[in-house]
Amino acid sequence: MSIFKYPDVISHKGEHQAFIAKLFELAGEINTGKKAVNRELSDFLWSWFQDHILVIDKKYSDALLATGMD
């Protein structure tokens, strides 16, 4: 992203960092028995796939294609 000067690279990386932090938080709660694998986890993952991959990553792919990369 940096190589192609994607304008939202910092925000995009921040989204990934927040995703990883939330996964570690949920995994810790599951591992300590504070939570079971539940609707919150499935909703979180579904939201990530729908909102991040299908919307935010699409913006990046569109920007990359606009540079002439195939």
C-alpha atoms as a PDB file:
ATOM      1  CA  MET A   1       0.000   0.000   0.000  1.00  0.00           C
ATOM      2  CA  SER A   2       2.805   2.385   0.840  1.00  0.00           C
ATOM      3  CA  ILE A   3       4.643   1.582  -2.389  1.00  0.00           C
ATOM      4  CA  PHE A   4       1.584   2.597  -4.427  1.00  0.00           C
ATOM      5  CA  LYS A   5       0.934   5.622  -2.210  1.00  0.00           C
ATOM      6  CA  TYR A   6      -2.527   4.466  -1.202  1.00  0.00           C
ATOM      7  CA  PRO A   7      -3.988   7.535   0.550  1.00  0.00           C
ATOM      8  CA  ASP A   8      -5.736   5.579   3.331  1.00  0.00           C
ATOM      9  CA  VAL A   9      -2.802   3.305   4.216  1.00  0.00           C
ATOM     10  CA  ILE A  10      -2.566   4.504   7.840  1.00  0.00           C
ATOM     11  CA  SER A  11      -6.284   4.093   8.442  1.00  0.00           C
ATOM     12  CA  HIS A  12      -6.267   0.698   6.732  1.00  0.00           C
ATOM     13  CA  LYS A  13      -3.405  -0.553   8.883  1.00  0.00           C
ATOM     14  CA  GLY A  14      -5.234   0.748  11.947  1.00  0.00           C
ATOM     15  CA  GLU A  15      -8.274  -1.322  11.031  1.00  0.00           C
ATOM     16  CA  HIS A  16      -6.102  -4.439  10.864  1.00  0.00           C
ATOM     17  CA  GLN A  17      -4.491  -3.637  14.213  1.00  0.00           C
ATOM     18  CA  ALA A  18      -7.924  -3.158  15.819  1.00  0.00           C
ATOM     19  CA  PHE A  19      -9.106  -6.458  14.310  1.00  0.00           C
ATOM     20  CA  ILE A  20      -6.106  -8.325  15.728  1.00  0.00           C
ATOM     21  CA  ALA A  21      -6.512  -6.682  19.147  1.00  0.00           C
ATOM     22  CA  LYS A  22     -10.189  -7.668  19.292  1.00  0.00           C
ATOM     23  CA  LEU A  23      -9.380 -11.250  18.276  1.00  0.00           C
ATOM     24  CA  PHE A  24      -6.771 -11.496  21.051  1.00  0.00           C
ATOM     25  CA  GLU A  25      -9.258 -10.036  23.527  1.00  0.00           C
ATOM     26  CA  LEU A  26     -11.962 -12.535  22.578  1.00  0.00           C
ATOM     27  CA  ALA A  27      -9.493 -15.443  22.484  1.00  0.00           C
ATOM     28  CA  GLY A  28      -8.262 -14.557  25.961  1.00  0.00           C
ATOM     29  CA  GLU A  29     -11.815 -14.450  27.305  1.00  0.00           C
ATOM     30  CA  ILE A  30     -12.596 -17.787  25.679  1.00  0.00           C
ATOM     31  CA  ASN A  31      -9.362 -19.386  26.949  1.00  0.00           C
ATOM     32  CA  THR A  32      -9.986 -18.239  30.527  1.00  0.00           C
ATOM     33  CA  GLY A  33     -13.593 -19.379  30.468  1.00  0.00           C
ATOM     34  CA  LYS A  34     -15.015 -15.852  30.754  1.00  0.00           C
ATOM     35  CA  LYS A  35     -16.754 -16.367  27.432  1.00  0.00           C
ATOM     36  CA  ALA A  36     -17.709 -19.232  25.223  1.00  0.00           C
ATOM     37  CA  VAL A  37     -17.537 -19.075  21.469  1.00  0.00           C
ATOM     38  CA  ASN A  38     -20.750 -17.210  20.949  1.00  0.00           C
ATOM     39  CA  ARG A  39     -22.750 -14.824  18.865  1.00  0.00           C
ATOM     40  CA  GLU A  40     -20.443 -11.893  19.652  1.00  0.00           C
ATOM     41  CA  LEU A  41     -17.517 -13.672  18.006  1.00  0.00           C
ATOM     42  CA  SER A  42     -19.485 -14.745  14.954  1.00  0.00           C
ATOM     43  CA  ASP A  43     -21.005 -11.253  14.606  1.00  0.00           C
ATOM     44  CA  PHE A  44     -17.565  -9.667  14.907  1.00  0.00           C
ATOM     45  CA  LEU A  45     -16.050 -11.927  12.248  1.00  0.00           C
ATOM     46  CA  TRP A  46     -19.042 -11.553   9.934  1.00  0.00           C
ATOM     47  CA  SER A  47     -18.863  -7.776  10.279  1.00  0.00           C
ATOM     48  CA  TRP A  48     -15.150  -7.824   9.464  1.00  0.00           C
ATOM     49  CA  PHE A  49     -15.722  -9.827   6.311  1.00  0.00           C
ATOM     50  CA  GLN A  50     -18.646  -7.715   5.187  1.00  0.00           C
ATOM     51  CA  ASP A  51     -17.387  -4.277   6.178  1.00  0.00           C
ATOM     52  CA  HIS A  52     -13.650  -4.569   5.823  1.00  0.00           C
ATOM     53  CA  ILE A  53     -12.993  -7.088   3.095  1.00  0.00           C
ATOM     54  CA  LEU A  54     -15.941  -6.306   0.840  1.00  0.00           C
ATOM     55  CA  VAL A  55     -15.881  -2.512   1.309  1.00  0.00           C
ATOM     56  CA  ILE A  56     -12.537  -1.226   2.581  1.00  0.00           C
ATOM     57  CA  ASP A  57     -10.305  -3.740   0.786  1.00  0.00           C
ATOM     58  CA  LYS A  58     -12.335  -3.104  -2.374  1.00  0.00           C
ATOM     59  CA  LYS A  59     -11.355   0.585  -2.187  1.00  0.00           C
ATOM     60  CA  TYR A  60      -7.706  -0.439  -2.032  1.00  0.00           C
ATOM     61  CA  SER A  61      -8.040  -2.845  -4.946  1.00  0.00           C
ATOM     62  CA  ASP A  62      -9.783  -0.148  -6.986  1.00  0.00           C
ATOM     63  CA  ALA A  63      -6.986   2.326  -6.173  1.00  0.00           C
ATOM     64  CA  LEU A  64      -4.325  -0.248  -7.078  1.00  0.00           C
ATOM     65  CA  LEU A  65      -6.018  -1.034 -10.386  1.00  0.00           C
ATOM     66  CA  ALA A  66      -6.173   2.703 -11.126  1.00  0.00           C
ATOM     67  CA  THR A  67      -2.342   2.730 -11.042  1.00  0.00           C
ATOM     68  CA  GLY A  68      -2.316   0.344 -13.990  1.00  0.00           C
ATOM     69  CA  MET A  69      -1.477  -2.775 -11.971  1.00  0.00           C
ATOM     70  CA  ASP A  70      -3.329  -5.886 -13.091  1.00  0.00           C
END
